[in-house]
N, C-alpha and C. Protein backbone atom coordinates (compact mmCIF):
# COMPACT_ATOMS: atom_id res chain seq x y z
N MET A 1 30.63 76.20 23.13
CA MET A 1 32.02 75.11 23.00
C MET A 1 31.57 73.98 23.87
N CYS A 2 31.98 72.53 22.49
CA CYS A 2 31.18 71.52 23.29
C CYS A 2 33.00 70.86 23.09
N VAL A 3 33.36 70.70 24.46
CA VAL A 3 34.29 69.78 24.67
C VAL A 3 34.29 68.22 25.30
N ALA A 4 35.21 67.69 23.88
CA ALA A 4 35.43 66.57 24.32
C ALA A 4 35.84 65.48 25.47
N PRO A 5 35.07 64.85 25.17
CA PRO A 5 35.86 63.87 27.77
C PRO A 5 36.77 63.08 26.67
N HIS A 6 37.60 62.97 27.82
CA HIS A 6 39.07 62.46 28.06
C HIS A 6 38.98 60.71 27.59
N ALA A 7 39.42 60.21 26.76
CA ALA A 7 38.93 58.60 26.86
C ALA A 7 40.29 57.94 28.16
N THR A 8 40.01 56.93 29.11
CA THR A 8 40.91 56.64 30.38
C THR A 8 41.18 56.53 29.47
N PRO A 9 42.60 55.01 29.83
CA PRO A 9 43.55 54.02 29.22
C PRO A 9 42.64 52.94 29.04
N VAL A 10 41.81 52.09 29.49
CA VAL A 10 41.14 51.26 29.01
C VAL A 10 40.14 52.03 27.75
N GLN A 11 39.94 52.70 27.72
CA GLN A 11 38.68 53.10 26.71
C GLN A 11 39.70 53.29 25.78
N ALA A 12 40.83 53.54 25.35
CA ALA A 12 41.81 53.91 24.36
C ALA A 12 42.52 52.33 24.24
N PHE A 13 42.89 51.72 24.90
CA PHE A 13 43.45 50.59 24.73
C PHE A 13 42.12 49.74 23.76
N ALA A 14 40.57 49.64 24.18
CA ALA A 14 39.87 48.68 23.48
C ALA A 14 39.74 48.46 22.32
N PRO A 15 39.86 48.84 21.23
CA PRO A 15 40.11 48.80 19.97
C PRO A 15 41.46 48.14 19.14
N ASP A 16 42.43 48.69 19.68
CA ASP A 16 43.39 47.60 19.60
C ASP A 16 43.18 45.74 19.88
N PHE A 17 42.90 46.22 21.53
CA PHE A 17 42.61 44.99 22.03
C PHE A 17 41.98 43.61 20.80
N ALA A 18 41.01 44.72 20.85
CA ALA A 18 40.02 43.94 19.70
C ALA A 18 40.40 43.44 19.04
N ARG A 19 40.84 44.25 17.70
CA ARG A 19 41.54 43.64 16.74
C ARG A 19 42.89 43.06 16.48
N ARG A 20 43.14 42.88 17.71
CA ARG A 20 44.46 41.99 18.20
C ARG A 20 44.07 40.76 18.96
N ILE A 21 42.49 40.34 19.37
CA ILE A 21 41.92 38.89 19.85
C ILE A 21 41.50 38.34 17.81
N ARG A 22 41.29 39.40 17.06
CA ARG A 22 40.15 39.13 16.21
C ARG A 22 41.35 38.55 14.99
N LEU A 23 42.52 39.36 15.21
CA LEU A 23 43.45 38.14 14.36
C LEU A 23 44.06 36.78 14.98
N ILE A 24 44.24 36.66 16.13
CA ILE A 24 44.45 35.78 16.85
C ILE A 24 43.59 34.22 16.81
N LEU A 25 42.27 35.10 16.93
CA LEU A 25 40.39 33.83 16.69
C LEU A 25 40.77 33.50 14.92
N ALA A 26 40.99 34.50 14.17
CA ALA A 26 40.61 34.29 13.04
C ALA A 26 41.42 33.39 12.29
N ALA A 27 43.04 33.31 12.60
CA ALA A 27 43.96 32.03 12.53
C ALA A 27 43.91 31.50 13.05
N LEU A 28 43.47 31.04 14.56
CA LEU A 28 42.95 29.92 15.19
C LEU A 28 42.31 28.70 14.60
N ALA A 29 40.78 29.58 13.66
CA ALA A 29 40.05 29.04 13.24
C ALA A 29 40.67 28.48 12.07
N ALA A 30 41.46 29.25 11.19
CA ALA A 30 42.23 28.07 9.69
C ALA A 30 42.96 27.55 10.41
N LEU A 31 43.38 26.95 11.34
CA LEU A 31 44.91 26.30 11.53
C LEU A 31 43.00 25.20 12.26
N ILE A 32 42.27 25.01 11.86
CA ILE A 32 41.00 24.14 12.56
C ILE A 32 41.07 23.76 11.96
N ALA A 33 40.78 24.34 10.62
CA ALA A 33 39.87 23.87 9.71
C ALA A 33 41.37 22.86 8.71
N ARG A 34 42.29 23.72 8.63
CA ARG A 34 43.13 22.80 8.19
C ARG A 34 43.61 21.16 8.91
N ARG A 35 43.67 21.25 9.78
CA ARG A 35 43.90 19.98 10.60
C ARG A 35 42.99 19.34 11.04
N PHE A 36 42.10 19.88 10.91
CA PHE A 36 40.81 19.25 11.36
C PHE A 36 39.84 18.26 10.12
N LEU A 37 40.03 18.90 9.00
CA LEU A 37 39.56 18.22 7.77
C LEU A 37 40.81 16.89 7.46
N ARG A 38 41.51 17.32 8.12
CA ARG A 38 42.82 15.33 7.83
C ARG A 38 42.18 14.89 8.54
N GLU A 39 41.30 14.77 9.82
CA GLU A 39 41.13 13.79 10.77
C GLU A 39 39.46 13.60 10.75
N PRO A 40 38.70 12.39 10.06
CA PRO A 40 37.88 12.36 10.47
C PRO A 40 36.93 12.66 11.14
N ARG A 41 37.65 11.85 11.93
CA ARG A 41 36.96 12.11 13.88
C ARG A 41 36.46 13.09 14.10
N LEU A 42 37.36 14.06 14.16
CA LEU A 42 37.46 15.77 14.67
C LEU A 42 37.17 16.67 13.07
N ALA A 43 37.06 15.77 11.97
CA ALA A 43 35.33 17.20 10.82
C ALA A 43 35.49 17.69 11.10
N ALA A 44 33.95 16.61 12.08
CA ALA A 44 32.26 16.98 12.98
C ALA A 44 32.72 18.84 13.55
N LEU A 45 33.34 18.55 14.02
CA LEU A 45 33.94 20.28 15.38
C LEU A 45 34.53 20.86 13.61
N ILE A 46 34.28 21.28 13.28
CA ILE A 46 35.00 22.22 12.73
C ILE A 46 34.20 23.68 11.78
N VAL A 47 32.26 23.09 12.63
CA VAL A 47 31.35 24.20 12.23
C VAL A 47 31.37 24.81 13.86
N PRO A 48 31.61 23.76 14.02
CA PRO A 48 31.00 24.58 15.54
C PRO A 48 31.77 25.42 16.25
N LEU A 49 33.14 24.68 16.32
CA LEU A 49 34.37 25.41 16.54
C LEU A 49 34.92 27.27 15.77
N TRP A 50 34.50 26.78 14.20
CA TRP A 50 34.17 28.25 13.65
C TRP A 50 33.56 29.21 14.22
N THR A 51 32.34 28.83 14.47
CA THR A 51 31.06 29.86 15.15
C THR A 51 31.03 30.47 16.14
N ARG A 52 32.29 29.21 17.29
CA ARG A 52 32.36 29.67 18.03
C ARG A 52 33.19 31.00 18.59
N LEU A 53 33.92 30.91 17.88
CA LEU A 53 35.25 32.30 17.48
C LEU A 53 34.89 32.65 16.40
N ASN A 54 33.68 32.82 15.65
CA ASN A 54 33.45 34.33 15.15
C ASN A 54 33.16 34.33 15.42
N ARG A 55 32.31 34.09 16.47
CA ARG A 55 31.01 34.60 17.35
C ARG A 55 32.09 35.98 18.46
N ALA A 56 32.77 35.05 18.85
CA ALA A 56 33.63 35.44 20.20
C ALA A 56 33.57 36.63 19.58
N ALA A 57 34.59 36.97 18.34
CA ALA A 57 35.69 38.13 17.93
C ALA A 57 34.88 38.92 17.75
N ARG A 58 33.81 38.78 17.07
CA ARG A 58 32.21 39.14 16.64
C ARG A 58 31.58 40.28 17.71
N ARG A 59 31.50 39.36 19.09
CA ARG A 59 31.06 40.39 20.11
C ARG A 59 31.89 41.22 20.72
N PHE A 60 33.07 40.56 21.25
CA PHE A 60 34.58 40.94 21.70
C PHE A 60 34.36 42.29 21.03
N GLU A 61 34.77 42.92 19.61
CA GLU A 61 34.63 43.46 19.10
C GLU A 61 33.74 44.92 19.11
N ARG A 62 32.56 44.32 19.12
CA ARG A 62 31.08 44.72 19.72
C ARG A 62 31.39 46.17 21.24
N LEU A 63 31.56 44.92 21.97
CA LEU A 63 31.98 45.49 23.32
C LEU A 63 32.91 46.34 23.18
N MET A 64 33.72 46.52 22.67
CA MET A 64 34.78 47.21 22.63
C MET A 64 34.75 48.83 22.22
N VAL A 65 34.32 48.60 20.93
CA VAL A 65 33.61 49.57 20.13
C VAL A 65 32.63 50.15 21.19
N LEU A 66 31.39 49.55 21.55
CA LEU A 66 30.90 50.44 22.59
C LEU A 66 31.22 51.11 24.01
N LEU A 67 32.98 50.24 24.34
CA LEU A 67 33.61 50.69 25.44
C LEU A 67 34.44 52.06 24.70
N ALA A 68 34.73 51.93 23.95
CA ALA A 68 35.58 53.16 23.54
C ALA A 68 34.86 54.54 23.24
N ALA A 69 33.19 54.27 22.66
CA ALA A 69 32.06 55.31 22.41
C ALA A 69 31.75 56.10 24.08
N GLY A 70 31.99 54.76 24.95
CA GLY A 70 31.68 55.82 25.89
C GLY A 70 30.43 55.31 26.30
N LYS A 71 29.94 54.45 25.23
CA LYS A 71 27.91 53.48 25.84
C LYS A 71 27.66 52.34 26.02
N LEU A 72 28.98 52.01 26.86
CA LEU A 72 28.81 51.05 27.28
C LEU A 72 26.83 50.25 28.07
N ARG A 73 27.29 49.46 28.16
CA ARG A 73 25.38 49.42 28.53
C ARG A 73 25.88 48.43 29.93
N LYS A 74 25.09 49.12 31.50
CA LYS A 74 24.58 47.67 31.80
C LYS A 74 24.87 46.23 31.93
N PRO A 75 25.83 45.57 33.08
CA PRO A 75 25.95 44.23 32.25
C PRO A 75 24.51 43.37 32.93
N HIS A 76 24.49 42.10 32.02
CA HIS A 76 23.36 41.84 32.35
C HIS A 76 23.90 40.27 32.25
N ARG A 77 23.29 38.92 32.27
CA ARG A 77 23.36 37.64 32.22
C ARG A 77 22.96 37.47 30.99
N SER A 78 23.73 36.64 30.21
CA SER A 78 23.28 36.27 29.00
C SER A 78 22.75 35.15 28.91
N GLY A 79 21.89 34.90 28.42
CA GLY A 79 21.26 33.67 27.73
C GLY A 79 22.43 32.44 27.64
N PRO A 80 21.53 31.34 27.01
CA PRO A 80 22.54 30.15 27.30
C PRO A 80 22.89 30.31 25.60
N SER A 81 24.50 29.39 25.47
CA SER A 81 24.62 29.67 23.99
C SER A 81 23.85 28.87 23.03
N GLY A 82 24.70 29.00 22.30
CA GLY A 82 23.17 28.47 19.77
C GLY A 82 23.56 27.34 21.04
N PRO A 83 22.75 26.59 19.64
CA PRO A 83 23.42 24.65 19.84
C PRO A 83 25.03 24.38 19.28
N HIS A 84 25.67 25.30 18.28
CA HIS A 84 26.69 24.80 18.36
C HIS A 84 27.39 24.34 19.30
N SER A 85 27.35 25.50 20.93
CA SER A 85 28.45 25.31 21.57
C SER A 85 28.39 23.70 22.59
N ARG A 86 27.22 23.09 22.66
CA ARG A 86 26.62 22.02 22.88
C ARG A 86 27.49 20.46 22.44
N ALA A 87 28.06 20.94 20.69
CA ALA A 87 28.57 20.22 19.98
C ALA A 87 30.01 19.65 20.55
N LEU A 88 30.71 20.68 21.47
CA LEU A 88 32.31 20.52 21.64
C LEU A 88 32.21 19.94 22.60
N PRO A 89 33.62 19.14 22.36
CA PRO A 89 33.54 18.29 24.12
C PRO A 89 34.32 19.29 24.94
N ALA A 90 33.75 18.85 26.02
CA ALA A 90 34.39 20.24 27.39
C ALA A 90 35.85 19.05 27.92
N GLY A 91 36.07 20.55 29.33
CA GLY A 91 37.22 20.05 29.33
C GLY A 91 38.52 21.02 29.05
N ARG A 92 39.46 21.18 30.55
CA ARG A 92 40.25 22.71 29.35
C ARG A 92 41.58 22.07 28.59
N GLY A 93 41.47 22.60 28.05
CA GLY A 93 42.78 22.49 26.69
C GLY A 93 42.67 21.44 25.51
N TRP A 94 41.26 21.08 25.27
CA TRP A 94 41.25 20.00 24.90
C TRP A 94 41.30 20.12 23.15
N LEU A 95 41.73 21.68 23.27
CA LEU A 95 41.59 21.62 21.52
C LEU A 95 43.65 21.53 21.25
N ILE A 96 44.06 22.62 22.32
CA ILE A 96 45.13 22.30 22.43
C ILE A 96 45.95 20.97 21.97
N ARG A 97 45.42 20.41 22.84
CA ARG A 97 45.69 18.88 22.77
C ARG A 97 45.51 18.33 21.58
N ALA A 98 44.49 18.29 20.44
CA ALA A 98 43.77 18.08 19.35
C ALA A 98 44.54 18.28 18.18
N LEU A 99 45.28 19.78 18.68
CA LEU A 99 46.00 20.11 17.40
C LEU A 99 47.23 20.33 17.40
N GLY A 100 48.06 19.86 18.59
CA GLY A 100 49.14 19.33 18.45
C GLY A 100 49.96 20.82 18.80
N PRO A 101 51.65 20.83 18.60
CA PRO A 101 52.25 21.34 18.30
C PRO A 101 51.82 22.74 17.67
N GLU A 102 50.91 22.89 16.50
CA GLU A 102 50.60 23.90 15.77
C GLU A 102 49.92 25.20 16.79
N ALA A 103 49.33 25.02 17.44
CA ALA A 103 48.94 25.39 18.40
C ALA A 103 49.38 26.55 19.14
N ALA A 104 50.27 26.02 19.80
CA ALA A 104 51.19 26.57 20.61
C ALA A 104 51.70 28.04 20.23
N PRO A 105 51.77 28.58 18.99
CA PRO A 105 52.16 29.66 19.17
C PRO A 105 50.82 30.66 18.90
N TYR A 106 49.28 29.73 18.51
CA TYR A 106 48.69 30.90 19.12
C TYR A 106 47.65 30.60 20.69
N ALA A 107 47.74 30.35 20.81
CA ALA A 107 48.09 29.98 22.72
C ALA A 107 48.99 30.49 23.49
N THR A 108 49.89 31.13 23.05
CA THR A 108 51.28 31.88 23.05
C THR A 108 50.76 32.94 23.60
N GLN A 109 50.25 33.48 22.07
CA GLN A 109 49.91 34.77 21.19
C GLN A 109 48.74 35.06 22.66
N LEU A 110 47.67 34.82 22.81
CA LEU A 110 46.88 34.33 23.29
C LEU A 110 47.09 34.93 24.56
N GLU A 111 48.04 34.33 25.26
CA GLU A 111 47.98 34.26 26.56
C GLU A 111 49.33 35.91 26.69
N THR A 112 49.94 36.09 26.03
CA THR A 112 50.45 37.08 26.02
C THR A 112 49.90 38.34 26.19
N LEU A 113 48.92 38.82 25.35
CA LEU A 113 47.88 39.45 24.88
C LEU A 113 46.94 39.49 25.89
N LEU A 114 46.70 38.34 27.22
CA LEU A 114 45.85 38.94 28.10
C LEU A 114 46.60 39.19 29.67
N ALA A 115 47.99 38.70 29.42
CA ALA A 115 48.52 38.58 29.71
C ALA A 115 49.13 40.69 30.18
N GLU A 116 48.74 41.28 29.23
CA GLU A 116 49.12 42.73 29.33
C GLU A 116 48.59 43.38 30.74
N PRO A 117 48.88 44.26 30.97
CA PRO A 117 48.72 45.15 32.12
C PRO A 117 47.71 45.73 31.68
N ALA A 118 47.24 45.97 30.30
CA ALA A 118 46.22 47.08 30.52
C ALA A 118 44.91 46.31 29.87
N ALA A 119 44.94 44.78 29.47
CA ALA A 119 44.10 44.07 28.81
C ALA A 119 44.24 43.73 30.30
N ALA A 120 44.38 42.85 30.90
CA ALA A 120 44.38 42.36 32.58
C ALA A 120 43.05 43.69 32.94
N GLY A 121 43.99 45.00 33.17
CA GLY A 121 43.00 46.12 33.44
C GLY A 121 41.24 45.81 32.68
N LEU A 122 41.39 45.76 31.79
CA LEU A 122 40.43 45.47 31.20
C LEU A 122 39.14 44.12 31.54
N LEU A 123 39.94 43.27 31.49
CA LEU A 123 38.99 42.56 31.81
C LEU A 123 39.07 42.24 33.32
N ALA A 124 39.47 42.81 34.23
CA ALA A 124 38.92 42.86 35.20
C ALA A 124 37.85 43.57 35.13
N ALA A 125 37.86 44.75 35.24
CA ALA A 125 36.91 46.08 35.18
C ALA A 125 35.51 46.04 33.99
N ILE A 126 35.51 44.81 33.22
CA ILE A 126 34.42 44.01 32.41
C ILE A 126 34.30 42.77 32.45
N PRO A 127 33.42 42.40 32.91
CA PRO A 127 32.88 41.28 33.62
C PRO A 127 32.53 40.94 31.81
N ALA A 128 31.70 41.28 30.88
CA ALA A 128 31.29 40.51 30.05
C ALA A 128 32.92 40.74 29.04
N ALA A 129 33.47 41.03 28.92
CA ALA A 129 34.51 40.99 28.39
C ALA A 129 35.10 39.78 28.74
N ARG A 130 35.10 39.69 29.95
CA ARG A 130 36.28 37.99 30.26
C ARG A 130 35.38 36.84 30.28
N ARG A 131 33.94 37.50 30.27
CA ARG A 131 32.94 35.96 29.58
C ARG A 131 32.83 36.22 28.74
N ILE A 132 33.21 36.28 27.60
CA ILE A 132 33.70 36.14 26.08
C ILE A 132 35.12 35.82 25.38
N VAL A 133 35.98 35.92 26.17
CA VAL A 133 37.23 35.77 26.38
C VAL A 133 37.17 33.86 27.28
N HIS A 134 37.23 33.93 28.14
CA HIS A 134 36.81 33.04 28.68
C HIS A 134 37.31 31.60 28.22
N PRO A 135 36.07 31.42 27.35
CA PRO A 135 35.95 29.96 26.54
C PRO A 135 36.89 29.52 26.31
N ILE A 136 37.39 30.62 25.41
CA ILE A 136 38.60 30.87 24.08
C ILE A 136 40.02 29.84 24.82
N ALA A 137 39.90 31.24 26.59
CA ALA A 137 41.36 30.50 26.81
C ALA A 137 41.04 29.54 27.70
N ARG A 138 40.08 28.56 27.45
CA ARG A 138 39.65 27.57 28.74
C ARG A 138 40.13 26.04 27.26
N LEU A 139 39.67 26.57 26.29
CA LEU A 139 39.83 26.06 24.89
C LEU A 139 40.93 25.53 24.73
N LEU A 140 42.11 26.71 25.29
CA LEU A 140 43.08 26.51 24.82
C LEU A 140 44.87 26.01 26.11
N ALA A 141 44.15 26.25 27.21
CA ALA A 141 44.45 25.71 28.65
C ALA A 141 45.76 27.01 28.73
N ILE A 142 44.95 28.15 28.67
CA ILE A 142 45.23 29.48 28.99
C ILE A 142 45.94 29.73 30.41
N GLY A 143 46.69 29.97 30.92
CA GLY A 143 47.00 30.28 32.71
C GLY A 143 46.62 31.38 32.96
N ALA A 144 46.07 32.10 32.21
CA ALA A 144 45.32 33.75 32.61
C ALA A 144 44.31 33.38 33.39
N PHE A 145 43.66 32.14 33.46
CA PHE A 145 42.26 31.40 32.99
C PHE A 145 41.96 30.73 33.70
N ALA A 146 43.47 30.01 35.11
CA ALA A 146 43.59 29.18 35.53
C ALA A 146 42.75 28.74 36.06
N PRO A 147 42.49 27.72 36.69
CA PRO A 147 41.15 27.35 37.79
C PRO A 147 41.19 28.00 38.93
N ARG A 148 40.61 28.32 39.41
CA ARG A 148 40.76 28.89 41.14
C ARG A 148 40.79 27.64 41.78
N PRO A 149 41.55 28.30 43.23
CA PRO A 149 42.13 27.05 43.95
C PRO A 149 40.38 26.77 45.01
N ARG A 150 40.48 25.42 45.15
CA ARG A 150 39.24 25.38 46.30
C ARG A 150 39.77 25.83 47.38
N PRO A 151 38.73 26.26 48.28
CA PRO A 151 39.01 26.83 49.88
C PRO A 151 38.89 25.36 50.22
N ALA A 152 40.33 25.05 51.34
CA ALA A 152 40.80 24.32 51.71
C ALA A 152 39.01 23.20 52.60
N PRO A 153 39.40 21.75 52.67
CA PRO A 153 38.07 21.49 53.76
C PRO A 153 38.34 21.82 55.22
N ALA A 154 37.24 22.06 55.84
CA ALA A 154 36.95 22.45 57.02
C ALA A 154 37.32 21.02 58.00
N PRO A 155 38.17 21.40 58.93
CA PRO A 155 38.70 20.14 59.80
C PRO A 155 37.53 19.26 60.37
N ALA A 156 37.67 17.91 60.10
CA ALA A 156 36.85 17.39 60.96
C ALA A 156 36.96 17.52 62.05
N ALA A 157 35.91 17.20 62.65
CA ALA A 157 35.91 16.60 64.42
C ALA A 157 36.86 15.72 65.07
N ALA A 158 36.93 15.88 66.23
CA ALA A 158 37.78 14.64 66.78
C ALA A 158 37.54 13.93 66.79
N SER A 159 38.29 12.25 66.38
CA SER A 159 38.37 11.45 67.06
C SER A 159 38.06 11.03 68.00
N PRO A 160 37.13 10.42 68.86
CA PRO A 160 37.41 9.69 70.25
C PRO A 160 38.29 8.92 70.95
N PHE A 161 38.54 7.97 68.92
CA PHE A 161 39.35 7.28 69.34
C PHE A 161 41.09 7.40 69.43
N GLY A 162 41.57 8.96 68.88
CA GLY A 162 42.61 9.32 68.64
C GLY A 162 42.84 9.64 67.00
N GLU A 163 43.73 10.25 66.25
CA GLU A 163 44.14 10.55 65.49
C GLU A 163 43.83 9.30 63.84
N VAL A 164 43.23 9.68 62.01
CA VAL A 164 43.09 8.82 61.81
C VAL A 164 44.70 8.44 61.32
N ALA A 165 44.68 7.37 60.81
CA ALA A 165 46.31 7.10 60.34
C ALA A 165 46.44 6.65 58.76
N PHE A 166 44.91 5.65 58.32
CA PHE A 166 44.25 4.99 57.24
C PHE A 166 42.60 4.64 57.25
N ARG A 167 42.91 5.27 55.78
CA ARG A 167 41.06 5.27 55.66
C ARG A 167 40.63 4.44 54.67
N SER A 168 39.91 3.01 54.19
CA SER A 168 39.91 2.47 52.95
C SER A 168 38.52 1.97 53.24
N GLN A 169 38.15 1.32 52.01
CA GLN A 169 36.55 0.86 52.11
C GLN A 169 36.40 0.30 53.31
N GLY A 170 35.27 1.08 54.07
CA GLY A 170 34.83 0.46 55.06
C GLY A 170 35.63 0.15 56.35
N TYR A 171 37.11 0.49 56.39
CA TYR A 171 37.85 0.54 57.21
C TYR A 171 38.66 1.20 57.88
N THR A 172 38.73 1.43 58.80
CA THR A 172 39.62 2.74 59.54
C THR A 172 40.60 2.64 60.84
N TRP A 173 42.01 3.38 60.29
CA TRP A 173 43.43 2.35 61.74
C TRP A 173 43.43 4.00 61.78
N TYR A 174 43.39 3.55 62.90
CA TYR A 174 43.67 4.77 63.96
C TYR A 174 44.95 4.62 64.88
N VAL A 175 45.48 5.22 65.18
CA VAL A 175 46.82 5.72 65.37
C VAL A 175 46.58 6.15 67.05
N VAL A 176 46.95 4.71 68.04
CA VAL A 176 46.83 4.40 69.11
C VAL A 176 48.05 5.21 69.55
N PRO A 177 47.84 6.41 71.23
CA PRO A 177 49.16 6.84 72.09
C PRO A 177 49.31 5.85 72.48
N THR A 178 50.72 6.08 72.99
CA THR A 178 51.24 5.08 74.04
C THR A 178 51.10 5.94 75.38
N PRO A 179 50.56 5.14 76.34
CA PRO A 179 50.44 6.26 77.04
C PRO A 179 51.19 6.15 78.16
N PRO A 180 51.41 7.00 78.71
CA PRO A 180 52.26 7.73 79.37
C PRO A 180 53.39 7.04 80.89
N ALA A 181 54.78 6.92 80.52
CA ALA A 181 55.19 6.02 81.55
C ALA A 181 55.10 6.42 82.59
N ASN A 182 54.82 5.56 83.75
CA ASN A 182 54.93 6.16 85.58
C ASN A 182 55.85 6.33 85.78
N PRO A 183 56.93 7.71 86.60
CA PRO A 183 57.61 7.60 87.06
C PRO A 183 57.36 7.38 88.58
N ALA A 184 57.76 6.03 88.60
CA ALA A 184 57.51 5.35 90.13
C ALA A 184 59.16 5.54 90.41
């Protein structure tokens, strides 16, 4: 008698999660085509963006199918992205700025989906899934993938002249401590 293994909550969530991601990305791609065709300076970005969004949706869906089947392979570093990824502007949230308020519902839907506890657990457990979704979230300036805070700089060595009050190009002003009064 063959006993089927019990699916973990992450495995059970994976197919629905992939379907919802695919729907959001397909609707976003349609919006991109509709809006960027009206603006000649952005029309050249339609094909690279469609390529990136559709490829991300296919990769994510394939990864979730493997996860649901329990056949997820060991993680490995992927090579550089295709030639279309270099054609896109860099910067956090550039797509949401280019599309304007029409893109807000798609960004909100994706952000809400990524904020669900099961989705957060899945993305934390599977780094490959996070690597697929992160560039799309960055395009839309989604808070789930906000830039990590940078560590505070190491404290500078104490100056022999006292505390620094102001620095400008070529000049440093120091706070001169007042000498203690002589209680004579």
